[in-house]
Each structure stands twice: as C-alpha cells, then as structure tokens.
Amino acid sequence: MLIKGEYHIPVLLKETIDLLRVKKGKKYIDATLGGGGHSKEVVKREGRLLAIDCDPEAVKAGTLRLQTACPAPSCLGGGKIPPPKVVWGNFSDISEIAQKEGFSKVDGILFDLGVSSHQLETKERGFSFNQGGPLDMRMDPRLSITAKDLVNGLNEGELYELFFKLGQEKYSRRFAHAICRARRIKKIETTDELAKIILDNAPPRGRFDGTHPATRIFQALRIAVNDELNNLKKTLPKAVELLNKEGRLIVLSFHSLEDGIVKRFFLEEQKRGVLEIVTEKPIIPEVNEIEKNPRARSAKLRVAEKK
C-alpha cells in the first residue's frame, strides 16, 4: 500500500546531490532508494542509475517516482541513456547486485540510512511508538525475526545489553526489567503496548526533554531486527571497491552509532591512501529545513572521494 502525497521527504537533498556531482551518462548507485527523492535528482541530471532497497514498498514507490523524473526520450529507451534500474535487495549485497546489473564501476554511491516517513507512519510496519501496530520493524518482510520475537524472547540481561548498546539508553536496565515483568502476565504484541510499558516505568523527564521515553528502545529494536550496523560495516568496503577514481561515497546517517562507523571508516581509508575525506566535519541541516521536516534534526552527511 502506498500513501498519497509524499512518500518520504529527503534530507539535505541539495547538499547531497551537489556533492555527488552527477554527470550525464556516468553511473551512480543509490543504495537506499526509499521514496526515490535522491534517485530522482540523479535521473533528472541524466546520470545512469542503479537503485536498491530492501523494502518492497519503497521499491514500488521509488519506481513510480523515477518514471516521472526521466528526461524524455532517454528513459523511454530512445536515447543514449538507459532507464534507471531498481532492485529489491539489501545493500549488503551491493557488489553482487552491481555486477549483475552492469554497475561494477561507478562514479558515485549514496547511502541514506534514515527510516522513511512512510515506514514510520504505516502502523502495520511497527516502527513507531505513535502507531498502534504489531511489533514488527522488519524493513524487508523476508527477514525471519521481528521486534516481537526479541521483546518476548530475550532474557532480561540480553534486553539490557541490546537497549544499552544499540539504543544508548541510560535506563536500559530499568526498562528491560519492566518488559520482563509485564510479559509474565501477557505477551507483548503491539507497539503501543511496549510504548506504554516504557512510559509507565520512565523516570520524570526534564522540562526541556521533548523526546518520548521509548525513542531509544524502538531504535535499538529496529537496528537489531534489520542488523543495520553490521550491514553498514560490511558494505562500506564493498562500496569503495565499486568506485572509479574520484568517485564519491556519500553517507547520510541519523544516529551516532551509524555516524561513528562512517567516520572511523573514512579516517582509516584516508590513512591507507584509498579515500580523501571531502567533508572535514559532517554537514547538518539548517534550522529552516528542520522546521519543515523535524526528522532531519539528527542527520549528518559525510562524503569521501576515491583517490
């Protein structure tokens, strides 16, 4: 099911596309298609595009959006530039997908690691504590483990470790204990059930703390279900291998664990003489963008170029 209107508002769109330096006829990979906002700009500039996403709904939405972006007649097969290719898959398989689709060497690769607005707002997906849906959180429905499995299956120590390491939640032990106590009475099935348990057991918040107490818990569960950090660690070296000389690797992250992985990887590859860091400090959204799209507030954009 696709929602009406905007599937997802891309963050730092102009900055991202400008830094990607799209050139007509050159090849680019959008490893996280989402609603197709970034991909659309690549296609409009007549770059040859391979777009990947592990969410089949994102593949459908992004494909439709790209059809409206194609500068005729190139995307109709009548010009020199082939139409964009869209693949349902995980970016951890980027090497195999790129090889199969004829993108073994490219001039730019983009990763937008944020959860889409559509995913958050579709209650059946179970990503948001504001929606009363099933505890799912799988970006790819082919995955076997859901958030419900983790919440009801891990012991208290394992839940604590998950919340502390992946959510950086300082009250991890308190919340792990509360979950285990609650599930002895009834299995925790939905997002609003879990959110209420967290809210009921959260200590009083400071007057300037506007975040929901369940924010970091839901983040930790989502990261674990989709194995996001391990996939990112595995994929970055593969992405570098696919780049031509002076090709650019662009990563847009939304929490410190992702950003830390990207920052360390760029520094290590720069020391090895493989990459040159373009953004000495990460680019962050300006106030007016955050006002229009509050989900942009935690975004950090890092760019490196292959030597």
Protein backbone atom coordinates (compact mmCIF):
# COMPACT_ATOMS: atom_id res chain seq x y z
CA MET A 1 0.00 0.00 0.00
CA LEU A 2 1.33 3.42 -0.97
CA ILE A 3 0.21 6.52 0.86
CA LYS A 4 -1.00 9.59 -1.00
CA GLY A 5 1.31 12.53 -1.45
CA GLU A 6 4.93 12.48 -0.33
CA TYR A 7 6.28 9.03 0.47
CA HIS A 8 9.33 10.49 2.16
CA ILE A 9 10.97 13.92 2.36
CA PRO A 10 14.69 13.51 1.56
CA VAL A 11 17.02 15.27 3.99
CA LEU A 12 19.84 17.55 2.80
CA LEU A 13 18.75 16.90 -0.77
CA LYS A 14 20.54 19.81 -2.47
CA GLU A 15 23.75 19.29 -0.50
CA THR A 16 23.76 15.57 -1.24
CA ILE A 17 23.20 15.91 -4.97
CA ASP A 18 25.68 18.77 -5.32
CA LEU A 19 28.37 16.71 -3.57
CA LEU A 20 27.56 13.65 -5.69
CA ARG A 21 28.50 15.75 -8.78
CA VAL A 22 26.23 13.91 -11.19
CA LYS A 23 27.48 13.97 -14.78
CA LYS A 24 25.46 12.99 -17.83
CA GLY A 25 25.91 9.34 -18.78
CA LYS A 26 28.01 8.44 -15.72
CA LYS A 27 26.92 5.61 -13.42
CA TYR A 28 25.63 6.03 -9.86
CA ILE A 29 24.15 3.77 -7.19
CA ASP A 30 21.51 4.82 -4.69
CA ALA A 31 21.87 2.01 -2.16
CA THR A 32 18.79 3.12 -0.21
CA LEU A 33 16.10 4.13 -2.70
CA GLY A 34 13.35 4.93 -0.19
CA GLY A 35 10.78 7.20 -1.84
CA GLY A 36 13.21 7.98 -4.65
CA GLY A 37 13.91 11.62 -3.76
CA HIS A 38 17.68 11.41 -4.22
CA SER A 39 17.42 9.00 -7.13
CA LYS A 40 15.00 11.31 -8.93
CA GLU A 41 17.58 14.10 -8.92
CA VAL A 42 20.24 11.78 -10.35
CA VAL A 43 17.91 10.75 -13.16
CA LYS A 44 16.89 14.36 -13.88
CA ARG A 45 20.58 15.15 -14.39
CA GLU A 46 20.78 12.21 -16.83
CA GLY A 47 23.00 10.04 -14.69
CA ARG A 48 22.76 6.30 -15.22
CA LEU A 49 21.21 4.93 -12.06
CA LEU A 50 21.03 1.67 -10.13
CA ALA A 51 18.72 1.97 -7.12
CA ILE A 52 18.48 -0.66 -4.36
CA ASP A 53 16.12 -1.06 -1.42
CA CYS A 54 15.28 -3.93 0.91
CA ASP A 55 11.71 -2.69 1.42
CA PRO A 56 9.38 -3.83 -1.40
CA GLU A 57 7.02 -0.92 -0.72
CA ALA A 58 9.92 1.50 -1.18
CA VAL A 59 10.80 -0.23 -4.45
CA LYS A 60 7.25 0.30 -5.74
CA ALA A 61 7.05 3.92 -4.61
CA GLY A 62 10.53 4.77 -5.82
CA THR A 63 9.98 3.16 -9.21
CA LEU A 64 6.82 5.21 -9.77
CA ARG A 65 8.58 8.40 -8.74
CA LEU A 66 11.51 7.74 -11.08
CA GLN A 67 9.16 7.26 -14.03
CA THR A 68 8.08 10.88 -13.68
CA ALA A 69 11.68 12.11 -13.43
CA CYS A 70 13.07 10.66 -16.64
CA PRO A 71 14.09 13.29 -19.20
CA ALA A 72 12.49 12.04 -22.42
CA PRO A 73 13.37 10.33 -24.61
CA SER A 74 16.34 8.83 -22.72
CA CYS A 75 14.27 6.92 -20.16
CA LEU A 76 11.96 5.61 -22.83
CA GLY A 77 14.83 3.73 -24.41
CA GLY A 78 15.03 6.11 -27.33
CA GLY A 79 18.12 7.97 -26.18
CA LYS A 80 21.67 7.08 -25.27
CA ILE A 81 20.99 6.87 -21.51
CA PRO A 82 19.23 3.66 -20.37
CA PRO A 83 16.31 3.93 -17.93
CA PRO A 84 17.12 3.55 -14.20
CA LYS A 85 17.36 0.06 -12.78
CA VAL A 86 15.57 -0.66 -9.50
CA VAL A 87 16.37 -3.79 -7.48
CA TRP A 88 14.72 -5.27 -4.38
CA GLY A 89 17.66 -6.33 -2.24
CA ASN A 90 19.84 -5.49 0.73
CA PHE A 91 22.72 -3.09 0.23
CA SER A 92 24.96 -5.63 1.98
CA ASP A 93 24.80 -7.45 -1.38
CA ILE A 94 25.80 -4.33 -3.31
CA SER A 95 28.76 -5.98 -5.05
CA GLU A 96 26.71 -8.86 -6.43
CA ILE A 97 23.79 -6.62 -7.43
CA ALA A 98 26.05 -4.07 -9.11
CA GLN A 99 27.91 -6.77 -11.05
CA LYS A 100 24.66 -8.36 -12.24
CA GLU A 101 23.19 -5.02 -13.36
CA GLY A 102 26.28 -3.76 -15.16
CA PHE A 103 27.39 -1.28 -12.49
CA SER A 104 30.68 -2.86 -11.48
CA LYS A 105 32.40 0.55 -11.69
CA VAL A 106 30.56 3.76 -10.80
CA ASP A 107 31.22 7.44 -10.15
CA GLY A 108 29.16 7.81 -7.00
CA ILE A 109 27.33 5.82 -4.34
CA LEU A 110 24.78 7.19 -1.90
CA PHE A 111 23.52 5.74 1.39
CA ASP A 112 20.59 7.44 3.15
CA LEU A 113 20.31 5.43 6.36
CA GLY A 114 17.15 7.03 7.73
CA VAL A 115 13.81 5.33 8.22
CA SER A 116 11.31 6.71 5.72
CA SER A 117 8.27 8.75 6.69
CA HIS A 118 6.10 6.09 5.09
CA GLN A 119 7.61 3.33 7.22
CA LEU A 120 7.08 5.35 10.39
CA GLU A 121 3.53 6.33 9.51
CA THR A 122 2.34 2.89 8.38
CA LYS A 123 1.18 1.26 11.61
CA GLU A 124 1.29 -2.25 10.14
CA ARG A 125 5.09 -1.93 9.86
CA GLY A 126 5.52 -1.49 13.62
CA PHE A 127 8.31 1.13 13.52
CA SER A 128 6.63 3.87 15.53
CA PHE A 129 5.53 4.10 19.15
CA ASN A 130 2.91 6.62 17.98
CA GLN A 131 1.07 3.96 15.97
CA GLY A 132 -0.78 1.01 17.46
CA GLY A 133 0.52 -1.66 15.12
CA PRO A 134 2.18 -5.06 15.50
CA LEU A 135 5.72 -5.18 16.89
CA ASP A 136 7.38 -5.94 13.56
CA MET A 137 10.06 -3.41 12.43
CA ARG A 138 11.32 -5.50 9.52
CA MET A 139 12.37 -3.34 6.57
CA ASP A 140 12.46 -6.49 4.46
CA PRO A 141 9.45 -8.78 5.11
CA ARG A 142 11.59 -11.76 4.12
CA LEU A 143 13.50 -11.48 7.41
CA SER A 144 12.50 -14.11 9.94
CA ILE A 145 12.93 -12.25 13.25
CA THR A 146 10.60 -9.44 14.33
CA ALA A 147 10.75 -6.97 17.21
CA LYS A 148 8.05 -9.00 18.94
CA ASP A 149 10.34 -12.03 18.89
CA LEU A 150 13.12 -10.05 20.58
CA VAL A 151 10.90 -8.34 23.15
CA ASN A 152 9.30 -11.62 24.23
CA GLY A 153 12.23 -13.98 23.65
CA LEU A 154 15.37 -12.34 25.04
CA ASN A 155 16.11 -12.61 28.74
CA GLU A 156 16.47 -9.53 30.93
CA GLY A 157 20.24 -9.34 30.57
CA GLU A 158 20.06 -9.65 26.80
CA LEU A 159 17.40 -6.93 26.59
CA TYR A 160 19.50 -4.66 28.77
CA GLU A 161 22.55 -5.19 26.56
CA LEU A 162 20.53 -4.58 23.39
CA PHE A 163 18.98 -1.33 24.70
CA PHE A 164 22.27 -0.08 26.13
CA LYS A 165 24.49 -0.85 23.14
CA LEU A 166 22.16 -0.15 20.24
CA GLY A 167 19.88 2.44 21.81
CA GLN A 168 22.40 4.11 24.12
CA GLU A 169 19.58 4.20 26.65
CA LYS A 170 20.78 5.08 30.17
CA TYR A 171 17.71 3.46 31.75
CA SER A 172 18.20 0.19 29.87
CA ARG A 173 18.21 -1.97 32.98
CA ARG A 174 15.03 -0.41 34.32
CA PHE A 175 13.19 -0.88 31.01
CA ALA A 176 14.45 -4.44 30.48
CA HIS A 177 13.19 -5.38 33.94
CA ALA A 178 9.80 -3.73 33.30
CA ILE A 179 9.37 -5.59 29.99
CA CYS A 180 10.18 -8.95 31.55
CA ARG A 181 7.76 -8.27 34.40
CA ALA A 182 4.97 -7.26 32.01
CA ARG A 183 5.37 -10.21 29.66
CA ARG A 184 4.97 -12.69 32.50
CA ILE A 185 1.38 -11.52 32.67
CA LYS A 186 0.75 -11.15 28.94
CA LYS A 187 2.82 -11.45 25.78
CA ILE A 188 3.73 -8.03 24.38
CA GLU A 189 2.23 -7.91 20.89
CA THR A 190 1.94 -4.28 19.74
CA THR A 191 3.91 -1.07 19.56
CA ASP A 192 1.54 0.84 21.82
CA GLU A 193 1.72 -1.92 24.47
CA LEU A 194 5.51 -1.67 24.52
CA ALA A 195 5.44 2.13 24.49
CA LYS A 196 3.07 2.18 27.47
CA ILE A 197 5.33 -0.15 29.46
CA ILE A 198 8.28 2.18 28.82
CA LEU A 199 6.26 5.31 29.56
CA ASP A 200 4.86 3.86 32.80
CA ASN A 201 8.35 2.97 34.02
CA ALA A 202 10.24 6.05 32.84
CA PRO A 203 11.63 8.43 35.46
CA PRO A 204 10.41 12.05 35.39
CA ARG A 205 11.89 13.91 32.45
CA GLY A 206 13.50 17.32 32.45
CA ARG A 207 11.39 20.22 31.27
CA PHE A 208 13.41 20.57 28.06
CA ASP A 209 13.40 16.87 27.18
CA GLY A 210 10.82 16.60 24.43
CA THR A 211 11.66 13.08 23.26
CA HIS A 212 9.41 10.14 24.05
CA PRO A 213 10.98 7.74 26.59
CA ALA A 214 10.53 4.85 24.13
CA THR A 215 12.53 6.51 21.34
CA ARG A 216 15.84 4.78 22.05
CA ILE A 217 14.20 1.45 22.84
CA PHE A 218 12.45 1.40 19.47
CA GLN A 219 15.69 2.47 17.76
CA ALA A 220 17.60 -0.40 19.37
CA LEU A 221 14.99 -2.97 18.36
CA ARG A 222 14.87 -1.70 14.76
CA ILE A 223 18.66 -1.80 14.45
CA ALA A 224 18.76 -5.34 15.84
CA VAL A 225 15.92 -6.70 13.71
CA ASN A 226 17.47 -5.39 10.50
CA ASP A 227 21.11 -5.93 11.54
CA GLU A 228 21.75 -2.37 10.41
CA LEU A 229 25.16 -1.70 11.92
CA ASN A 230 26.75 -4.96 10.78
CA ASN A 231 25.33 -4.47 7.29
CA LEU A 232 26.81 -0.98 7.15
CA LYS A 233 30.23 -2.18 8.32
CA LYS A 234 30.25 -4.95 5.71
CA THR A 235 29.02 -2.73 2.90
CA LEU A 236 31.28 0.33 3.09
CA PRO A 237 34.42 -1.51 1.87
CA LYS A 238 32.39 -3.07 -0.96
CA ALA A 239 31.16 0.37 -1.99
CA VAL A 240 34.71 1.72 -2.17
CA GLU A 241 35.71 -1.16 -4.45
CA LEU A 242 32.94 -0.21 -6.87
CA LEU A 243 34.06 3.42 -7.18
CA ASN A 244 36.08 4.77 -10.06
CA LYS A 245 38.95 7.13 -9.31
CA GLU A 246 37.49 10.41 -8.00
CA GLY A 247 34.17 8.64 -7.47
CA ARG A 248 32.37 9.77 -4.34
CA LEU A 249 30.90 7.84 -1.41
CA ILE A 250 28.14 9.76 0.37
CA VAL A 251 26.53 8.62 3.62
CA LEU A 252 23.63 10.29 5.37
CA SER A 253 23.22 8.92 8.91
CA PHE A 254 20.70 9.64 11.65
CA HIS A 255 22.24 8.43 14.91
CA SER A 256 25.67 8.44 16.49
CA LEU A 257 26.35 4.70 16.10
CA GLU A 258 25.96 4.88 12.31
CA ASP A 259 27.86 8.14 12.08
CA GLY A 260 30.69 6.71 14.19
CA ILE A 261 31.06 3.73 11.87
CA VAL A 262 31.21 6.00 8.81
CA LYS A 263 33.62 8.48 10.42
CA ARG A 264 36.06 5.75 11.51
CA PHE A 265 35.89 4.01 8.14
CA PHE A 266 36.62 7.22 6.24
CA LEU A 267 39.56 8.03 8.52
CA GLU A 268 41.02 4.53 8.19
CA GLU A 269 40.70 4.56 4.40
CA GLN A 270 42.24 8.02 4.23
CA LYS A 271 45.25 6.80 6.23
CA ARG A 272 45.59 3.90 3.80
CA GLY A 273 45.59 6.34 0.90
CA VAL A 274 42.38 4.93 -0.58
CA LEU A 275 39.96 7.78 0.19
CA GLU A 276 40.19 11.52 0.62
CA ILE A 277 37.67 12.97 3.08
CA VAL A 278 35.70 15.78 1.44
CA THR A 279 33.69 16.87 4.48
CA GLU A 280 36.11 17.53 7.34
CA LYS A 281 33.08 17.93 9.60
CA PRO A 282 29.69 16.39 8.85
CA ILE A 283 27.14 18.60 7.13
CA ILE A 284 23.97 19.05 9.18
CA PRO A 285 20.58 20.53 8.20
CA GLU A 286 19.91 24.21 8.69
CA VAL A 287 17.20 25.43 11.04
CA ASN A 288 14.68 26.11 8.29
CA GLU A 289 14.93 22.54 6.99
CA ILE A 290 14.45 21.12 10.49
CA GLU A 291 11.39 23.34 10.95
CA LYS A 292 9.87 21.96 7.75
CA ASN A 293 10.95 18.37 8.46
CA PRO A 294 11.64 17.67 12.17
CA ARG A 295 13.01 14.20 11.32
CA ALA A 296 16.00 15.95 9.75
CA ARG A 297 17.30 17.20 13.10
CA SER A 298 19.69 14.31 13.75
CA ALA A 299 21.03 13.97 10.19
CA LYS A 300 24.76 14.04 9.44
CA LEU A 301 26.19 13.94 5.93
CA ARG A 302 29.73 12.69 5.29
CA VAL A 303 31.48 12.48 1.92
CA ALA A 304 34.73 10.89 0.77
CA GLU A 305 36.35 10.63 -2.65
CA LYS A 306 38.33 7.71 -4.02
CA LYS A 307 41.95 8.52 -4.87
